Amino acid sequence: MNICLSKYIVESCQVYARLEVRTEACGESFYQSRMEELVKDLDSRGLLSLEDGRKVMYAENCTVPLTVVKSDGGFTYDTSDMACIKYRIHELGAQWLVYVTDAGQQQHFKVSFLACAQRAGIYDPSAVRVDHVTFGVVLGEDRKKFKTRSGDTVRLVELLEEGLSRAEAVLREKGRHEVLTPHEFEKAKTAVAYGCIKYADLCHDRTRDYIFSFDRMLDFKGNTAAYLLYALTRICSIARTGELFSCQYLDCCVILVLIPGP
């Protein structure tokens, strides 16, 4: 089990590294002892109620409880959520927490989880800021949840590999492999693939579902990363030709694309 978990963490970190995302992994086992201590503390203060063999916790004016201990004695996501926020606030000294989940978790965060953490004295909204950042569901072109042909959820690494494959095909179709060195071509392929995937995800309203299309996001026309990269390349070419300034200067620039809201 530990070998599988370690392999999963290593592979996940490798994927994030490709996207230049830094992470610090803390698996559920990290919180095991903290969950045990949490349950003892809540129980000793009379904050837990026994219902159908479960130990649950109610927040004030809330009819939906957190299940802190299951009837078989096991812990739940509610338990780990409570242990996590206690660790982050009381041990790490966090002053601002941002939770990123799908929109279906809004009830849990706004009504149950944070209210229970506040009742337990773990969370003080006047001292710690907590934001819940929700996102919509990614849909396929059939307007159903984005999945593979076999019906499985698409893994990020598979998405990146597909993006690289399609970006290479587009660049070869435009003859870029004939004018670029192999190293330059690899850099261009990676920039187009990862840039298009990131932009396709970020250019939509975060809270709404959106349709994911490789063909559309690799289009060199319209509101796509491919078009922006193409425009930047043309600007660099013009700058070099006119000896206006070094194109390296553009590496320090931030290009803001303003997209009207709904």
C-alpha atoms as a PDB file:
ATOM      1  CA  MET A   1       0.000   0.000   0.000  1.00  0.00           C
ATOM      2  CA  ASN A   2       2.804   2.419   0.956  1.00  0.00           C
ATOM      3  CA  ILE A   3       4.658   1.572  -2.273  1.00  0.00           C
ATOM      4  CA  CYS A   4       1.551   2.347  -4.360  1.00  0.00           C
ATOM      5  CA  LEU A   5       0.980   5.598  -2.473  1.00  0.00           C
ATOM      6  CA  SER A   6       4.606   6.677  -2.892  1.00  0.00           C
ATOM      7  CA  LYS A   7       4.451   5.915  -6.616  1.00  0.00           C
ATOM      8  CA  TYR A   8       1.229   7.914  -6.921  1.00  0.00           C
ATOM      9  CA  ILE A   9       2.779  10.918  -5.143  1.00  0.00           C
ATOM     10  CA  VAL A  10       5.923  10.773  -7.301  1.00  0.00           C
ATOM     11  CA  GLU A  11       3.913  10.535 -10.529  1.00  0.00           C
ATOM     12  CA  SER A  12       1.596  13.364  -9.447  1.00  0.00           C
ATOM     13  CA  CYS A  13       4.564  15.614  -8.623  1.00  0.00           C
ATOM     14  CA  GLN A  14       6.070  14.851 -12.036  1.00  0.00           C
ATOM     15  CA  VAL A  15       2.863  15.935 -13.759  1.00  0.00           C
ATOM     16  CA  TYR A  16       2.683  19.156 -11.747  1.00  0.00           C
ATOM     17  CA  ALA A  17       6.357  19.845 -12.479  1.00  0.00           C
ATOM     18  CA  ARG A  18       5.570  19.755 -16.197  1.00  0.00           C
ATOM     19  CA  LEU A  19       3.100  22.575 -15.577  1.00  0.00           C
ATOM     20  CA  GLU A  20       5.538  24.435 -13.300  1.00  0.00           C
ATOM     21  CA  VAL A  21       3.225  23.963 -10.310  1.00  0.00           C
ATOM     22  CA  ARG A  22       4.834  23.511  -6.900  1.00  0.00           C
ATOM     23  CA  THR A  23       3.048  21.280  -4.376  1.00  0.00           C
ATOM     24  CA  GLU A  24       3.576  19.962  -0.868  1.00  0.00           C
ATOM     25  CA  ALA A  25       1.913  16.596  -0.383  1.00  0.00           C
ATOM     26  CA  CYS A  26       0.232  15.685   2.911  1.00  0.00           C
ATOM     27  CA  GLY A  27      -1.659  12.420   2.538  1.00  0.00           C
ATOM     28  CA  GLU A  28      -4.505  11.316   4.785  1.00  0.00           C
ATOM     29  CA  SER A  29      -2.139   9.172   6.851  1.00  0.00           C
ATOM     30  CA  PHE A  30      -0.398  12.388   7.905  1.00  0.00           C
ATOM     31  CA  TYR A  31      -3.588  13.422   9.698  1.00  0.00           C
ATOM     32  CA  GLN A  32      -4.405  10.047  11.286  1.00  0.00           C
ATOM     33  CA  SER A  33      -3.125  10.891  14.769  1.00  0.00           C
ATOM     34  CA  ARG A  34      -4.597  14.372  14.507  1.00  0.00           C
ATOM     35  CA  MET A  35      -8.018  12.928  13.668  1.00  0.00           C
ATOM     36  CA  GLU A  36      -7.829  10.631  16.680  1.00  0.00           C
ATOM     37  CA  GLU A  37      -6.977  13.570  18.951  1.00  0.00           C
ATOM     38  CA  LEU A  38      -9.723  15.669  17.381  1.00  0.00           C
ATOM     39  CA  VAL A  39     -12.410  13.048  18.058  1.00  0.00           C
ATOM     40  CA  LYS A  40     -11.298  12.657  21.685  1.00  0.00           C
ATOM     41  CA  ASP A  41     -11.390  16.427  22.165  1.00  0.00           C
ATOM     42  CA  LEU A  42     -14.826  16.900  20.581  1.00  0.00           C
ATOM     43  CA  ASP A  43     -16.212  13.918  22.497  1.00  0.00           C
ATOM     44  CA  SER A  44     -14.843  15.093  25.850  1.00  0.00           C
ATOM     45  CA  ARG A  45     -16.481  18.491  25.391  1.00  0.00           C
ATOM     46  CA  GLY A  46     -19.851  16.977  24.530  1.00  0.00           C
ATOM     47  CA  LEU A  47     -19.866  18.297  20.968  1.00  0.00           C
ATOM     48  CA  LEU A  48     -20.640  14.922  19.397  1.00  0.00           C
ATOM     49  CA  SER A  49     -24.028  13.201  19.276  1.00  0.00           C
ATOM     50  CA  LEU A  50     -24.721   9.516  18.726  1.00  0.00           C
ATOM     51  CA  GLU A  51     -27.078   8.768  15.801  1.00  0.00           C
ATOM     52  CA  ASP A  52     -27.569   5.299  14.300  1.00  0.00           C
ATOM     53  CA  GLY A  53     -24.212   4.211  15.650  1.00  0.00           C
ATOM     54  CA  ARG A  54     -22.442   7.255  14.193  1.00  0.00           C
ATOM     55  CA  LYS A  55     -20.827  10.120  16.049  1.00  0.00           C
ATOM     56  CA  VAL A  56     -22.024  13.319  14.427  1.00  0.00           C
ATOM     57  CA  MET A  57     -21.590  17.013  15.071  1.00  0.00           C
ATOM     58  CA  TYR A  58     -24.149  19.732  14.471  1.00  0.00           C
ATOM     59  CA  ALA A  59     -23.419  23.377  13.906  1.00  0.00           C
ATOM     60  CA  GLU A  60     -25.741  26.014  15.336  1.00  0.00           C
ATOM     61  CA  ASN A  61     -28.960  26.424  13.341  1.00  0.00           C
ATOM     62  CA  CYS A  62     -27.925  23.593  11.002  1.00  0.00           C
ATOM     63  CA  THR A  63     -29.951  20.432  10.402  1.00  0.00           C
ATOM     64  CA  VAL A  64     -27.263  18.616   8.386  1.00  0.00           C
ATOM     65  CA  PRO A  65     -24.524  17.218  10.673  1.00  0.00           C
ATOM     66  CA  LEU A  66     -20.944  16.241  10.008  1.00  0.00           C
ATOM     67  CA  THR A  67     -20.296  12.521  10.372  1.00  0.00           C
ATOM     68  CA  VAL A  68     -17.136  12.519  12.458  1.00  0.00           C
ATOM     69  CA  VAL A  69     -17.024   8.773  13.218  1.00  0.00           C
ATOM     70  CA  LYS A  70     -18.839   6.100  11.187  1.00  0.00           C
ATOM     71  CA  SER A  71     -20.796   3.285  12.809  1.00  0.00           C
ATOM     72  CA  ASP A  72     -17.854   0.914  12.184  1.00  0.00           C
ATOM     73  CA  GLY A  73     -15.488   3.294  13.991  1.00  0.00           C
ATOM     74  CA  GLY A  74     -13.838   4.637  10.847  1.00  0.00           C
ATOM     75  CA  PHE A  75     -13.218   8.279  10.040  1.00  0.00           C
ATOM     76  CA  THR A  76     -14.738  10.237   7.152  1.00  0.00           C
ATOM     77  CA  TYR A  77     -13.871  13.180   4.930  1.00  0.00           C
ATOM     78  CA  ASP A  78     -15.653  15.331   7.503  1.00  0.00           C
ATOM     79  CA  THR A  79     -13.168  14.152  10.135  1.00  0.00           C
ATOM     80  CA  SER A  80     -10.151  14.848   7.933  1.00  0.00           C
ATOM     81  CA  ASP A  81     -11.559  18.256   6.940  1.00  0.00           C
ATOM     82  CA  MET A  82     -11.810  19.230  10.607  1.00  0.00           C
ATOM     83  CA  ALA A  83      -8.348  17.863  11.410  1.00  0.00           C
ATOM     84  CA  CYS A  84      -6.847  19.619   8.373  1.00  0.00           C
ATOM     85  CA  ILE A  85      -8.225  23.050   9.171  1.00  0.00           C
ATOM     86  CA  LYS A  86      -7.087  22.696  12.797  1.00  0.00           C
ATOM     87  CA  TYR A  87      -3.571  21.750  11.642  1.00  0.00           C
ATOM     88  CA  ARG A  88      -3.385  24.601   9.144  1.00  0.00           C
ATOM     89  CA  ILE A  89      -4.580  27.246  11.569  1.00  0.00           C
ATOM     90  CA  HIS A  90      -3.127  26.098  14.896  1.00  0.00           C
ATOM     91  CA  GLU A  91       0.123  24.472  13.737  1.00  0.00           C
ATOM     92  CA  LEU A  92       1.017  26.221  10.487  1.00  0.00           C
ATOM     93  CA  GLY A  93      -0.384  29.555  11.624  1.00  0.00           C
ATOM     94  CA  ALA A  94      -2.344  30.090   8.404  1.00  0.00           C
ATOM     95  CA  GLN A  95      -4.202  33.388   8.164  1.00  0.00           C
ATOM     96  CA  TRP A  96      -5.849  32.802   4.790  1.00  0.00           C
ATOM     97  CA  LEU A  97      -7.098  29.442   3.523  1.00  0.00           C
ATOM     98  CA  VAL A  98      -8.366  28.844  -0.001  1.00  0.00           C
ATOM     99  CA  TYR A  99     -10.309  25.646  -0.745  1.00  0.00           C
ATOM    100  CA  VAL A 100     -10.708  24.743  -4.431  1.00  0.00           C
ATOM    101  CA  THR A 101     -13.470  22.209  -5.141  1.00  0.00           C
ATOM    102  CA  ASP A 102     -16.373  21.664  -7.502  1.00  0.00           C
ATOM    103  CA  ALA A 103     -19.509  23.705  -6.902  1.00  0.00           C
ATOM    104  CA  GLY A 104     -21.300  20.719  -5.399  1.00  0.00           C
ATOM    105  CA  GLN A 105     -19.350  21.211  -2.148  1.00  0.00           C
ATOM    106  CA  GLN A 106     -20.828  24.648  -1.382  1.00  0.00           C
ATOM    107  CA  GLN A 107     -23.360  23.334   1.137  1.00  0.00           C
ATOM    108  CA  HIS A 108     -20.655  21.443   2.992  1.00  0.00           C
ATOM    109  CA  PHE A 109     -18.321  24.421   3.272  1.00  0.00           C
ATOM    110  CA  LYS A 110     -20.759  27.231   3.966  1.00  0.00           C
ATOM    111  CA  VAL A 111     -23.304  25.481   6.185  1.00  0.00           C
ATOM    112  CA  SER A 112     -21.723  22.460   7.854  1.00  0.00           C
ATOM    113  CA  PHE A 113     -17.933  22.277   7.871  1.00  0.00           C
ATOM    114  CA  LEU A 114     -16.872  25.834   8.709  1.00  0.00           C
ATOM    115  CA  ALA A 115     -19.766  26.313  11.128  1.00  0.00           C
ATOM    116  CA  CYS A 116     -18.731  23.186  13.053  1.00  0.00           C
ATOM    117  CA  ALA A 117     -15.084  24.285  13.049  1.00  0.00           C
ATOM    118  CA  GLN A 118     -16.209  27.608  14.486  1.00  0.00           C
ATOM    119  CA  ARG A 119     -18.350  25.932  17.147  1.00  0.00           C
ATOM    120  CA  ALA A 120     -15.407  23.745  18.157  1.00  0.00           C
ATOM    121  CA  GLY A 121     -13.199  26.816  18.597  1.00  0.00           C
ATOM    122  CA  ILE A 122     -10.911  25.756  15.786  1.00  0.00           C
ATOM    123  CA  TYR A 123     -11.817  28.524  13.370  1.00  0.00           C
ATOM    124  CA  ASP A 124     -12.374  32.208  14.161  1.00  0.00           C
ATOM    125  CA  PRO A 125     -13.640  34.116  11.098  1.00  0.00           C
ATOM    126  CA  SER A 126     -12.446  37.405  12.598  1.00  0.00           C
ATOM    127  CA  ALA A 127      -8.851  36.123  12.715  1.00  0.00           C
ATOM    128  CA  VAL A 128      -8.614  33.748   9.737  1.00  0.00           C
ATOM    129  CA  ARG A 129      -9.940  34.289   6.231  1.00  0.00           C
ATOM    130  CA  VAL A 130     -11.360  31.237   4.473  1.00  0.00           C
ATOM    131  CA  ASP A 131     -12.435  31.336   0.826  1.00  0.00           C
ATOM    132  CA  HIS A 132     -14.170  28.555  -1.057  1.00  0.00           C
ATOM    133  CA  VAL A 133     -13.273  28.754  -4.756  1.00  0.00           C
ATOM    134  CA  THR A 134     -15.679  26.651  -6.783  1.00  0.00           C
ATOM    135  CA  PHE A 135     -15.421  25.493 -10.373  1.00  0.00           C
ATOM    136  CA  GLY A 136     -17.792  24.003 -12.913  1.00  0.00           C
ATOM    137  CA  VAL A 137     -17.640  20.631 -14.628  1.00  0.00           C
ATOM    138  CA  VAL A 138     -15.604  20.045 -17.791  1.00  0.00           C
ATOM    139  CA  LEU A 139     -17.829  18.609 -20.533  1.00  0.00           C
ATOM    140  CA  GLY A 140     -16.957  16.764 -23.707  1.00  0.00           C
ATOM    141  CA  GLU A 141     -18.207  17.896 -27.101  1.00  0.00           C
ATOM    142  CA  ASP A 142     -21.245  15.655 -26.530  1.00  0.00           C
ATOM    143  CA  ARG A 143     -22.070  17.947 -23.578  1.00  0.00           C
ATOM    144  CA  LYS A 144     -21.581  15.095 -21.125  1.00  0.00           C
ATOM    145  CA  LYS A 145     -18.915  14.883 -18.408  1.00  0.00           C
ATOM    146  CA  PHE A 146     -15.496  14.761 -20.063  1.00  0.00           C
ATOM    147  CA  LYS A 147     -14.389  11.104 -20.134  1.00  0.00           C
ATOM    148  CA  THR A 148     -12.289   8.730 -22.192  1.00  0.00           C
ATOM    149  CA  ARG A 149     -13.868   6.446 -24.796  1.00  0.00           C
ATOM    150  CA  SER A 150     -13.957   3.664 -22.206  1.00  0.00           C
ATOM    151  CA  GLY A 151     -15.967   5.876 -19.892  1.00  0.00           C
ATOM    152  CA  ASP A 152     -13.156   6.594 -17.431  1.00  0.00           C
ATOM    153  CA  THR A 153     -12.326  10.033 -16.074  1.00  0.00           C
ATOM    154  CA  VAL A 154      -9.581  11.670 -18.143  1.00  0.00           C
ATOM    155  CA  ARG A 155      -6.352  11.887 -16.146  1.00  0.00           C
ATOM    156  CA  LEU A 156      -4.296  15.072 -16.337  1.00  0.00           C
ATOM    157  CA  VAL A 157      -1.236  13.222 -17.653  1.00  0.00           C
ATOM    158  CA  GLU A 158      -3.339  11.785 -20.498  1.00  0.00           C
ATOM    159  CA  LEU A 159      -4.629  15.264 -21.290  1.00  0.00           C
ATOM    160  CA  LEU A 160      -1.090  16.647 -21.441  1.00  0.00           C
ATOM    161  CA  GLU A 161       0.136  13.818 -23.678  1.00  0.00           C
ATOM    162  CA  GLU A 162      -2.810  14.260 -26.043  1.00  0.00           C
ATOM    163  CA  GLY A 163      -2.108  17.994 -26.133  1.00  0.00           C
ATOM    164  CA  LEU A 164       1.550  17.386 -27.038  1.00  0.00           C
ATOM    165  CA  SER A 165       0.562  14.961 -29.788  1.00  0.00           C
ATOM    166  CA  ARG A 166      -1.953  17.341 -31.325  1.00  0.00           C
ATOM    167  CA  ALA A 167       0.328  20.377 -30.969  1.00  0.00           C
ATOM    168  CA  GLU A 168       3.091  18.501 -32.804  1.00  0.00           C
ATOM    169  CA  ALA A 169       0.700  17.598 -35.609  1.00  0.00           C
ATOM    170  CA  VAL A 170      -0.408  21.222 -36.000  1.00  0.00           C
ATOM    171  CA  LEU A 171       3.167  22.535 -35.997  1.00  0.00           C
ATOM    172  CA  ARG A 172       4.299  19.928 -38.546  1.00  0.00           C
ATOM    173  CA  GLU A 173       1.323  20.772 -40.745  1.00  0.00           C
ATOM    174  CA  LYS A 174       2.543  24.382 -40.754  1.00  0.00           C
ATOM    175  CA  GLY A 175       6.104  23.273 -41.562  1.00  0.00           C
ATOM    176  CA  ARG A 176       7.637  24.474 -38.293  1.00  0.00           C
ATOM    177  CA  HIS A 177       9.777  21.316 -38.050  1.00  0.00           C
ATOM    178  CA  GLU A 178      11.570  22.390 -41.228  1.00  0.00           C
ATOM    179  CA  VAL A 179      12.719  25.772 -39.883  1.00  0.00           C
ATOM    180  CA  LEU A 180      13.292  24.938 -36.211  1.00  0.00           C
ATOM    181  CA  THR A 181      16.006  22.833 -34.638  1.00  0.00           C
ATOM    182  CA  PRO A 182      14.808  19.658 -32.853  1.00  0.00           C
ATOM    183  CA  HIS A 183      15.312  21.408 -29.489  1.00  0.00           C
ATOM    184  CA  GLU A 184      13.404  24.507 -30.619  1.00  0.00           C
ATOM    185  CA  PHE A 185      10.623  22.352 -32.036  1.00  0.00           C
ATOM    186  CA  GLU A 186      10.235  20.501 -28.708  1.00  0.00           C
ATOM    187  CA  LYS A 187      10.067  23.806 -26.829  1.00  0.00           C
ATOM    188  CA  ALA A 188       7.497  25.159 -29.267  1.00  0.00           C
ATOM    189  CA  LYS A 189       5.405  21.985 -29.059  1.00  0.00           C
ATOM    190  CA  THR A 190       5.404  22.080 -25.266  1.00  0.00           C
ATOM    191  CA  ALA A 191       4.593  25.793 -25.129  1.00  0.00           C
ATOM    192  CA  VAL A 192       1.661  25.402 -27.514  1.00  0.00           C
ATOM    193  CA  ALA A 193       0.276  22.251 -25.853  1.00  0.00           C
ATOM    194  CA  TYR A 194       0.484  23.350 -22.224  1.00  0.00           C
ATOM    195  CA  GLY A 195      -0.403  26.944 -23.020  1.00  0.00           C
ATOM    196  CA  CYS A 196      -3.522  25.879 -24.893  1.00  0.00           C
ATOM    197  CA  ILE A 197      -4.672  23.534 -22.124  1.00  0.00           C
ATOM    198  CA  LYS A 198      -4.158  26.160 -19.422  1.00  0.00           C
ATOM    199  CA  TYR A 199      -5.796  28.915 -21.432  1.00  0.00           C
ATOM    200  CA  ALA A 200      -8.767  26.750 -22.415  1.00  0.00           C
ATOM    201  CA  ASP A 201      -9.384  26.108 -18.721  1.00  0.00           C
ATOM    202  CA  LEU A 202      -8.854  29.676 -17.522  1.00  0.00           C
ATOM    203  CA  CYS A 203     -10.600  31.699 -20.234  1.00  0.00           C
ATOM    204  CA  HIS A 204     -14.061  30.525 -19.178  1.00  0.00           C
ATOM    205  CA  ASP A 205     -16.199  31.601 -16.257  1.00  0.00           C
ATOM    206  CA  ARG A 206     -14.726  29.503 -13.452  1.00  0.00           C
ATOM    207  CA  THR A 207     -18.070  28.659 -11.878  1.00  0.00           C
ATOM    208  CA  ARG A 208     -19.772  27.433 -15.050  1.00  0.00           C
ATOM    209  CA  ASP A 209     -19.535  24.133 -16.893  1.00  0.00           C
ATOM    210  CA  TYR A 210     -17.677  24.355 -20.187  1.00  0.00           C
ATOM    211  CA  ILE A 211     -17.115  22.212 -23.266  1.00  0.00           C
ATOM    212  CA  PHE A 212     -13.552  21.013 -23.778  1.00  0.00           C
ATOM    213  CA  SER A 213     -12.403  20.711 -27.391  1.00  0.00           C
ATOM    214  CA  PHE A 214      -8.832  20.051 -28.526  1.00  0.00           C
ATOM    215  CA  ASP A 215      -9.655  21.237 -32.046  1.00  0.00           C
ATOM    216  CA  ARG A 216     -10.995  24.543 -30.791  1.00  0.00           C
ATOM    217  CA  MET A 217      -8.206  25.249 -28.294  1.00  0.00           C
ATOM    218  CA  LEU A 218      -5.472  24.502 -30.896  1.00  0.00           C
ATOM    219  CA  ASP A 219      -7.107  26.792 -33.457  1.00  0.00           C
ATOM    220  CA  PHE A 220      -4.810  29.625 -34.537  1.00  0.00           C
ATOM    221  CA  LYS A 221      -7.822  31.907 -34.870  1.00  0.00           C
ATOM    222  CA  GLY A 222     -10.039  33.431 -32.229  1.00  0.00           C
ATOM    223  CA  ASN A 223      -9.756  33.483 -28.456  1.00  0.00           C
ATOM    224  CA  THR A 224      -7.140  30.739 -28.007  1.00  0.00           C
ATOM    225  CA  ALA A 225      -3.637  30.426 -26.573  1.00  0.00           C
ATOM    226  CA  ALA A 226      -2.402  29.282 -29.981  1.00  0.00           C
ATOM    227  CA  TYR A 227      -3.518  32.597 -31.492  1.00  0.00           C
ATOM    228  CA  LEU A 228      -1.864  34.599 -28.680  1.00  0.00           C
ATOM    229  CA  LEU A 229       1.385  32.658 -29.048  1.00  0.00           C
ATOM    230  CA  TYR A 230       1.280  33.195 -32.809  1.00  0.00           C
ATOM    231  CA  ALA A 231       0.703  36.934 -32.271  1.00  0.00           C
ATOM    232  CA  LEU A 232       3.605  37.105 -29.814  1.00  0.00           C
ATOM    233  CA  THR A 233       5.866  35.318 -32.302  1.00  0.00           C
ATOM    234  CA  ARG A 234       4.940  37.858 -35.000  1.00  0.00           C
ATOM    235  CA  ILE A 235       5.651  40.737 -32.617  1.00  0.00           C
ATOM    236  CA  CYS A 236       9.077  39.277 -31.798  1.00  0.00           C
ATOM    237  CA  SER A 237       9.802  38.844 -35.506  1.00  0.00           C
ATOM    238  CA  ILE A 238       8.869  42.444 -36.263  1.00  0.00           C
ATOM    239  CA  ALA A 239      10.956  43.667 -33.310  1.00  0.00           C
ATOM    240  CA  ARG A 240      14.005  41.732 -34.477  1.00  0.00           C
ATOM    241  CA  THR A 241      13.613  42.847 -38.081  1.00  0.00           C
ATOM    242  CA  GLY A 242      13.250  46.496 -37.083  1.00  0.00           C
ATOM    243  CA  GLU A 243      15.937  46.195 -34.398  1.00  0.00           C
ATOM    244  CA  LEU A 244      13.512  47.926 -32.063  1.00  0.00           C
ATOM    245  CA  PHE A 245      14.488  46.026 -28.905  1.00  0.00           C
ATOM    246  CA  SER A 246      15.632  42.625 -27.808  1.00  0.00           C
ATOM    247  CA  CYS A 247      12.886  40.018 -27.911  1.00  0.00           C
ATOM    248  CA  GLN A 248      14.203  38.723 -24.582  1.00  0.00           C
ATOM    249  CA  TYR A 249      12.534  41.758 -23.032  1.00  0.00           C
ATOM    250  CA  LEU A 250       9.180  40.153 -23.735  1.00  0.00           C
ATOM    251  CA  ASP A 251      10.029  37.305 -21.345  1.00  0.00           C
ATOM    252  CA  CYS A 252       9.512  39.787 -18.527  1.00  0.00           C
ATOM    253  CA  CYS A 253       6.227  41.120 -19.875  1.00  0.00           C
ATOM    254  CA  VAL A 254       2.807  40.067 -18.660  1.00  0.00           C
ATOM    255  CA  ILE A 255       0.152  39.874 -21.359  1.00  0.00           C
ATOM    256  CA  LEU A 256      -3.322  40.461 -20.007  1.00  0.00           C
ATOM    257  CA  VAL A 257      -6.232  39.221 -22.054  1.00  0.00           C
ATOM    258  CA  LEU A 258      -9.403  40.893 -20.870  1.00  0.00           C
ATOM    259  CA  ILE A 259     -12.465  38.715 -21.329  1.00  0.00           C
ATOM    260  CA  PRO A 260     -15.894  40.291 -20.713  1.00  0.00           C
ATOM    261  CA  GLY A 261     -17.814  38.768 -17.850  1.00  0.00           C
ATOM    262  CA  PRO A 262     -21.273  37.216 -18.148  1.00  0.00           C
END
